[in-house]
C-alpha atoms as a PDB file:
ATOM      1  CA  UNK A   1     -18.670 -13.386   7.368  1.00  0.00           C
ATOM      2  CA  UNK A   2     -18.988 -16.718   7.835  1.00  0.00           C
ATOM      3  CA  UNK A   3     -21.401 -19.547   5.480  1.00  0.00           C
ATOM      4  CA  UNK A   4     -24.901 -20.392   7.131  1.00  0.00           C
ATOM      5  CA  UNK A   5     -25.996 -23.759   5.142  1.00  0.00           C
ATOM      6  CA  UNK A   6     -29.928 -23.543   3.910  1.00  0.00           C
ATOM      7  CA  UNK A   7     -30.399 -26.608   6.075  1.00  0.00           C
ATOM      8  CA  UNK A   8     -28.952 -24.745   9.218  1.00  0.00           C
ATOM      9  CA  UNK A   9     -31.121 -21.428   8.210  1.00  0.00           C
ATOM     10  CA  UNK A  10     -33.918 -23.676   7.791  1.00  0.00           C
ATOM     11  CA  UNK A  11     -34.076 -25.483  11.016  1.00  0.00           C
ATOM     12  CA  UNK A  12     -32.994 -22.167  12.611  1.00  0.00           C
ATOM     13  CA  UNK A  13     -36.484 -21.208  11.284  1.00  0.00           C
ATOM     14  CA  UNK A  14     -38.156 -23.746  12.230  1.00  0.00           C
ATOM     15  CA  UNK A  15     -36.509 -23.361  15.951  1.00  0.00           C
ATOM     16  CA  UNK A  16     -37.415 -19.398  15.939  1.00  0.00           C
ATOM     17  CA  UNK A  17     -41.066 -20.333  14.987  1.00  0.00           C
ATOM     18  CA  UNK A  18     -41.454 -22.918  17.736  1.00  0.00           C
ATOM     19  CA  UNK A  19     -39.598 -20.440  20.146  1.00  0.00           C
ATOM     20  CA  UNK A  20     -42.362 -18.184  19.314  1.00  0.00           C
ATOM     21  CA  UNK A  21     -45.507 -20.339  19.578  1.00  0.00           C
ATOM     22  CA  UNK A  22     -44.305 -20.972  23.259  1.00  0.00           C
ATOM     23  CA  UNK A  23     -44.013 -17.559  23.805  1.00  0.00           C
ATOM     24  CA  UNK A  24     -47.167 -16.397  22.442  1.00  0.00           C
ATOM     25  CA  UNK A  25     -49.046 -19.863  24.542  1.00  0.00           C
ATOM     26  CA  UNK A  26     -46.452 -18.187  27.824  1.00  0.00           C
ATOM     27  CA  UNK A  27     -48.449 -14.914  27.014  1.00  0.00           C
ATOM     28  CA  UNK A  28     -51.552 -16.317  27.152  1.00  0.00           C
ATOM     29  CA  UNK A  29     -50.670 -18.154  30.341  1.00  0.00           C
ATOM     30  CA  UNK A  30     -49.972 -15.433  32.820  1.00  0.00           C
ATOM     31  CA  UNK A  31     -52.916 -13.329  31.469  1.00  0.00           C
ATOM     32  CA  UNK A  32     -55.274 -16.466  32.331  1.00  0.00           C
ATOM     33  CA  UNK A  33     -53.132 -16.210  36.009  1.00  0.00           C
ATOM     34  CA  UNK A  34     -53.712 -12.847  36.234  1.00  0.00           C
ATOM     35  CA  UNK A  35     -57.492 -13.005  35.749  1.00  0.00           C
ATOM     36  CA  UNK A  36     -57.292 -15.836  38.619  1.00  0.00           C
ATOM     37  CA  UNK A  37     -55.487 -13.784  40.890  1.00  0.00           C
ATOM     38  CA  UNK A  38     -58.434 -11.360  40.687  1.00  0.00           C
ATOM     39  CA  UNK A  39     -60.695 -13.958  41.196  1.00  0.00           C
ATOM     40  CA  UNK A  40     -58.851 -15.597  43.817  1.00  0.00           C
ATOM     41  CA  UNK A  41     -58.054 -12.184  45.669  1.00  0.00           C
ATOM     42  CA  UNK A  42     -61.462 -11.239  45.596  1.00  0.00           C
ATOM     43  CA  UNK A  43     -62.986 -14.931  47.443  1.00  0.00           C
ATOM     44  CA  UNK A  44     -59.714 -14.631  49.669  1.00  0.00           C
ATOM     45  CA  UNK A  45     -61.501 -11.381  50.931  1.00  0.00           C
ATOM     46  CA  UNK A  46     -65.426 -12.765  51.334  1.00  0.00           C
ATOM     47  CA  UNK A  47     -63.818 -15.858  52.621  1.00  0.00           C
ATOM     48  CA  UNK A  48     -62.088 -14.070  55.588  1.00  0.00           C
ATOM     49  CA  UNK A  49     -64.221 -11.746  55.952  1.00  0.00           C
ATOM     50  CA  UNK A  50     -67.115 -14.875  56.221  1.00  0.00           C
ATOM     51  CA  UNK A  51     -64.857 -16.879  58.062  1.00  0.00           C
ATOM     52  CA  UNK A  52     -64.823 -13.106  60.581  1.00  0.00           C
ATOM     53  CA  UNK A  53     -67.891 -13.189  61.382  1.00  0.00           C
ATOM     54  CA  UNK A  54     -68.396 -16.957  61.665  1.00  0.00           C
ATOM     55  CA  UNK A  55     -65.412 -16.903  64.475  1.00  0.00           C
ATOM     56  CA  UNK A  56     -67.394 -14.036  65.895  1.00  0.00           C
ATOM     57  CA  UNK A  57     -70.687 -15.634  66.224  1.00  0.00           C
ATOM     58  CA  UNK A  58     -69.415 -18.988  67.337  1.00  0.00           C
ATOM     59  CA  UNK A  59     -67.542 -16.793  70.384  1.00  0.00           C
ATOM     60  CA  UNK A  60     -70.698 -15.114  71.381  1.00  0.00           C
ATOM     61  CA  UNK A  61     -72.518 -18.201  70.709  1.00  0.00           C
ATOM     62  CA  UNK A  62     -70.342 -19.385  73.147  1.00  0.00           C
ATOM     63  CA  UNK A  63     -69.768 -16.970  75.087  1.00  0.00           C
ATOM     64  CA  UNK A  64     -73.924 -16.827  75.861  1.00  0.00           C
ATOM     65  CA  UNK A  65     -74.479 -20.544  76.647  1.00  0.00           C
ATOM     66  CA  UNK A  66     -71.486 -21.116  78.731  1.00  0.00           C
ATOM     67  CA  UNK A  67     -73.545 -19.536  81.714  1.00  0.00           C
ATOM     68  CA  UNK A  68     -75.865 -22.168  81.553  1.00  0.00           C
ATOM     69  CA  UNK A  69     -76.051 -25.795  83.582  1.00  0.00           C
ATOM     70  CA  UNK A  70     -72.963 -28.019  83.179  1.00  0.00           C
ATOM     71  CA  UNK A  71     -74.381 -30.524  80.339  1.00  0.00           C
ATOM     72  CA  UNK A  72     -74.857 -27.202  78.142  1.00  0.00           C
ATOM     73  CA  UNK A  73     -71.298 -26.365  79.202  1.00  0.00           C
ATOM     74  CA  UNK A  74     -69.885 -29.702  78.433  1.00  0.00           C
ATOM     75  CA  UNK A  75     -72.276 -29.658  75.399  1.00  0.00           C
ATOM     76  CA  UNK A  76     -70.642 -26.308  74.032  1.00  0.00           C
ATOM     77  CA  UNK A  77     -66.857 -27.426  74.875  1.00  0.00           C
ATOM     78  CA  UNK A  78     -67.527 -30.088  72.216  1.00  0.00           C
ATOM     79  CA  UNK A  79     -68.930 -27.119  69.470  1.00  0.00           C
ATOM     80  CA  UNK A  80     -66.228 -25.457  70.161  1.00  0.00           C
ATOM     81  CA  UNK A  81     -63.475 -28.271  69.538  1.00  0.00           C
ATOM     82  CA  UNK A  82     -65.401 -28.864  66.225  1.00  0.00           C
ATOM     83  CA  UNK A  83     -65.145 -24.780  65.714  1.00  0.00           C
ATOM     84  CA  UNK A  84     -61.180 -25.467  66.460  1.00  0.00           C
ATOM     85  CA  UNK A  85     -61.208 -27.886  63.973  1.00  0.00           C
ATOM     86  CA  UNK A  86     -63.187 -25.590  61.229  1.00  0.00           C
ATOM     87  CA  UNK A  87     -60.770 -22.933  62.296  1.00  0.00           C
ATOM     88  CA  UNK A  88     -57.502 -24.947  61.150  1.00  0.00           C
ATOM     89  CA  UNK A  89     -58.882 -25.860  57.837  1.00  0.00           C
ATOM     90  CA  UNK A  90     -59.803 -22.448  56.636  1.00  0.00           C
ATOM     91  CA  UNK A  91     -56.421 -21.182  58.048  1.00  0.00           C
ATOM     92  CA  UNK A  92     -54.837 -24.285  55.611  1.00  0.00           C
ATOM     93  CA  UNK A  93     -56.814 -22.963  53.351  1.00  0.00           C
ATOM     94  CA  UNK A  94     -55.764 -19.347  53.517  1.00  0.00           C
ATOM     95  CA  UNK A  95     -52.076 -20.496  53.596  1.00  0.00           C
ATOM     96  CA  UNK A  96     -52.555 -21.913  50.302  1.00  0.00           C
ATOM     97  CA  UNK A  97     -53.915 -18.985  49.014  1.00  0.00           C
ATOM     98  CA  UNK A  98     -51.200 -17.183  49.766  1.00  0.00           C
ATOM     99  CA  UNK A  99     -48.598 -18.952  48.354  1.00  0.00           C
ATOM    100  CA  UNK A 100     -50.178 -19.025  45.252  1.00  0.00           C
ATOM    101  CA  UNK A 101     -50.452 -15.304  45.650  1.00  0.00           C
ATOM    102  CA  UNK A 102     -47.190 -14.538  45.657  1.00  0.00           C
ATOM    103  CA  UNK A 103     -46.198 -17.006  43.128  1.00  0.00           C
ATOM    104  CA  UNK A 104     -48.919 -14.771  41.084  1.00  0.00           C
ATOM    105  CA  UNK A 105     -46.787 -11.904  42.332  1.00  0.00           C
ATOM    106  CA  UNK A 106     -43.289 -12.781  40.863  1.00  0.00           C
ATOM    107  CA  UNK A 107     -44.864 -12.993  37.515  1.00  0.00           C
ATOM    108  CA  UNK A 108     -46.471 -10.044  37.497  1.00  0.00           C
ATOM    109  CA  UNK A 109     -43.538  -8.712  38.498  1.00  0.00           C
ATOM    110  CA  UNK A 110     -40.819 -10.263  35.930  1.00  0.00           C
ATOM    111  CA  UNK A 111     -43.572  -8.813  33.746  1.00  0.00           C
ATOM    112  CA  UNK A 112     -43.419  -5.095  34.944  1.00  0.00           C
ATOM    113  CA  UNK A 113     -39.607  -5.027  34.883  1.00  0.00           C
ATOM    114  CA  UNK A 114     -40.028  -6.814  31.225  1.00  0.00           C
ATOM    115  CA  UNK A 115     -42.575  -3.302  30.074  1.00  0.00           C
ATOM    116  CA  UNK A 116     -40.338  -0.854  32.632  1.00  0.00           C
ATOM    117  CA  UNK A 117     -36.991  -2.554  30.479  1.00  0.00           C
ATOM    118  CA  UNK A 118     -38.620  -1.760  26.604  1.00  0.00           C
ATOM    119  CA  UNK A 119     -38.915   1.842  27.749  1.00  0.00           C
ATOM    120  CA  UNK A 120     -35.241   2.146  28.685  1.00  0.00           C
ATOM    121  CA  UNK A 121     -32.098   2.457  25.917  1.00  0.00           C
ATOM    122  CA  UNK A 122     -30.290  -0.970  25.491  1.00  0.00           C
ATOM    123  CA  UNK A 123     -27.804  -1.720  23.351  1.00  0.00           C
ATOM    124  CA  UNK A 124     -27.223  -4.385  20.802  1.00  0.00           C
ATOM    125  CA  UNK A 125     -24.947  -5.135  18.253  1.00  0.00           C
ATOM    126  CA  UNK A 126     -25.395  -5.090  14.524  1.00  0.00           C
ATOM    127  CA  UNK A 127     -23.958  -7.954  12.856  1.00  0.00           C
ATOM    128  CA  UNK A 128     -25.703  -7.531   9.349  1.00  0.00           C
ATOM    129  CA  UNK A 129     -27.816  -5.455   7.111  1.00  0.00           C
ATOM    130  CA  UNK A 130     -29.908  -6.290   4.112  1.00  0.00           C
ATOM    131  CA  UNK A 131     -31.365  -4.510   1.641  1.00  0.00           C
ATOM    132  CA  UNK A 132     -34.829  -6.798   1.247  1.00  0.00           C
ATOM    133  CA  UNK A 133     -36.911  -7.328   4.235  1.00  0.00           C
ATOM    134  CA  UNK A 134     -35.793 -10.864   5.538  1.00  0.00           C
ATOM    135  CA  UNK A 135     -38.425 -10.857   8.331  1.00  0.00           C
ATOM    136  CA  UNK A 136     -37.422 -14.990   8.806  1.00  0.00           C
ATOM    137  CA  UNK A 137     -34.021 -14.379   9.816  1.00  0.00           C
ATOM    138  CA  UNK A 138     -35.607 -12.727  13.059  1.00  0.00           C
ATOM    139  CA  UNK A 139     -38.465 -13.126  15.601  1.00  0.00           C
ATOM    140  CA  UNK A 140     -40.346 -11.487  18.229  1.00  0.00           C
ATOM    141  CA  UNK A 141     -40.403 -14.181  20.633  1.00  0.00           C
ATOM    142  CA  UNK A 142     -36.604 -13.797  20.541  1.00  0.00           C
ATOM    143  CA  UNK A 143     -36.192 -11.605  23.124  1.00  0.00           C
ATOM    144  CA  UNK A 144     -32.537 -11.004  22.211  1.00  0.00           C
ATOM    145  CA  UNK A 145     -32.780 -10.141  18.622  1.00  0.00           C
ATOM    146  CA  UNK A 146     -33.478  -6.829  17.127  1.00  0.00           C
ATOM    147  CA  UNK A 147     -34.617  -6.695  13.642  1.00  0.00           C
ATOM    148  CA  UNK A 148     -34.991  -2.575  12.958  1.00  0.00           C
ATOM    149  CA  UNK A 149     -35.748  -0.905   9.857  1.00  0.00           C
ATOM    150  CA  UNK A 150     -32.905   2.019   9.348  1.00  0.00           C
ATOM    151  CA  UNK A 151     -34.187   3.304   6.055  1.00  0.00           C
ATOM    152  CA  UNK A 152     -33.132   1.924   3.658  1.00  0.00           C
ATOM    153  CA  UNK A 153     -32.088  -0.920   5.259  1.00  0.00           C
ATOM    154  CA  UNK A 154     -33.543  -3.734   7.800  1.00  0.00           C
ATOM    155  CA  UNK A 155     -30.575  -4.176  10.486  1.00  0.00           C
ATOM    156  CA  UNK A 156     -30.215  -7.222  12.414  1.00  0.00           C
ATOM    157  CA  UNK A 157     -28.935  -7.285  15.918  1.00  0.00           C
ATOM    158  CA  UNK A 158     -27.963  -9.556  18.726  1.00  0.00           C
ATOM    159  CA  UNK A 159     -28.035  -9.412  22.804  1.00  0.00           C
ATOM    160  CA  UNK A 160     -30.465  -6.393  24.613  1.00  0.00           C
ATOM    161  CA  UNK A 161     -27.781  -5.494  27.276  1.00  0.00           C
ATOM    162  CA  UNK A 162     -28.269  -2.728  29.846  1.00  0.00           C
ATOM    163  CA  UNK A 163     -24.755  -1.360  29.821  1.00  0.00           C
ATOM    164  CA  UNK A 164     -22.460  -0.489  26.586  1.00  0.00           C
ATOM    165  CA  UNK A 165     -19.594  -1.823  28.427  1.00  0.00           C
ATOM    166  CA  UNK A 166     -21.349  -5.387  28.366  1.00  0.00           C
ATOM    167  CA  UNK A 167     -22.640  -5.367  24.313  1.00  0.00           C
ATOM    168  CA  UNK A 168     -19.170  -3.738  23.644  1.00  0.00           C
ATOM    169  CA  UNK A 169     -17.005  -7.131  25.427  1.00  0.00           C
ATOM    170  CA  UNK A 170     -20.262  -8.847  22.803  1.00  0.00           C
ATOM    171  CA  UNK A 171     -18.686  -7.562  19.919  1.00  0.00           C
ATOM    172  CA  UNK A 172     -15.527  -8.266  20.435  1.00  0.00           C
ATOM    173  CA  UNK A 173     -16.282 -11.993  20.589  1.00  0.00           C
ATOM    174  CA  UNK A 174     -18.578 -11.311  17.624  1.00  0.00           C
ATOM    175  CA  UNK A 175     -15.767 -10.072  15.854  1.00  0.00           C
ATOM    176  CA  UNK A 176     -13.635 -12.854  17.223  1.00  0.00           C
ATOM    177  CA  UNK A 177     -15.980 -14.938  15.775  1.00  0.00           C
ATOM    178  CA  UNK A 178     -15.983 -13.820  12.114  1.00  0.00           C
ATOM    179  CA  UNK A 179     -18.468 -11.066  12.107  1.00  0.00           C
ATOM    180  CA  UNK A 180     -15.923  -8.380  11.530  1.00  0.00           C
ATOM    181  CA  UNK A 181     -18.638  -5.706  10.345  1.00  0.00           C
ATOM    182  CA  UNK A 182     -20.445  -5.940  13.917  1.00  0.00           C
ATOM    183  CA  UNK A 183     -21.046  -2.596  15.815  1.00  0.00           C
ATOM    184  CA  UNK A 184     -22.628  -1.646  18.445  1.00  0.00           C
ATOM    185  CA  UNK A 185     -26.057   0.540  18.700  1.00  0.00           C
ATOM    186  CA  UNK A 186     -28.057   2.063  21.419  1.00  0.00           C
ATOM    187  CA  UNK A 187     -31.738   1.549  20.917  1.00  0.00           C
ATOM    188  CA  UNK A 188     -34.932   2.856  23.028  1.00  0.00           C
ATOM    189  CA  UNK A 189     -38.582   2.201  22.073  1.00  0.00           C
ATOM    190  CA  UNK A 190     -37.720  -0.384  19.543  1.00  0.00           C
ATOM    191  CA  UNK A 191     -35.576   2.216  17.690  1.00  0.00           C
ATOM    192  CA  UNK A 192     -31.638   2.789  16.906  1.00  0.00           C
ATOM    193  CA  UNK A 193     -30.287   5.813  18.417  1.00  0.00           C
ATOM    194  CA  UNK A 194     -26.902   6.211  17.770  1.00  0.00           C
ATOM    195  CA  UNK A 195     -24.193   4.005  16.660  1.00  0.00           C
ATOM    196  CA  UNK A 196     -21.659   3.943  19.524  1.00  0.00           C
ATOM    197  CA  UNK A 197     -17.981   3.892  20.158  1.00  0.00           C
ATOM    198  CA  UNK A 198     -16.961   0.145  19.638  1.00  0.00           C
ATOM    199  CA  UNK A 199     -13.951   0.576  22.376  1.00  0.00           C
END
């Protein structure tokens, strides 16, 4: 097995803690953005309704006064130009809201896909097991590591793969690096299902 210096292990722990804090902040930001998205959608719908009502009202007033004298017709044309300028501003605002909505939809789709993968069977390469609970080696903020209790041991695994072939290829790379005892295991809902064939 490769040897890890204590200072390197401490640096690794610090990096893991920093990554976990950053991940928690990002999750909080996503929750906040989702709330904002709901508010923006409601505002957009209300704003669109008021805009349509405004446009219909403006057109009704314009068509009502169009039959009056030429002086009134000239004034109505000026009013229509002002209304068109207002419509351009409204269209610009609607376009901005659409682009914000698309960005937030991409973030939402990412987290929905992650939640879906948590329910599927994944494959990981176990590199070490401990009798004692060495939680400091793993962090849930790192999405490519698993730290699972398999009585009476605590298993430390690297990589989250959708296919067995990917996990077996990664295992071969780890064996070449010196992790001779590494093996592939399948997991579902955070629990080990079985130990897979290494080839």
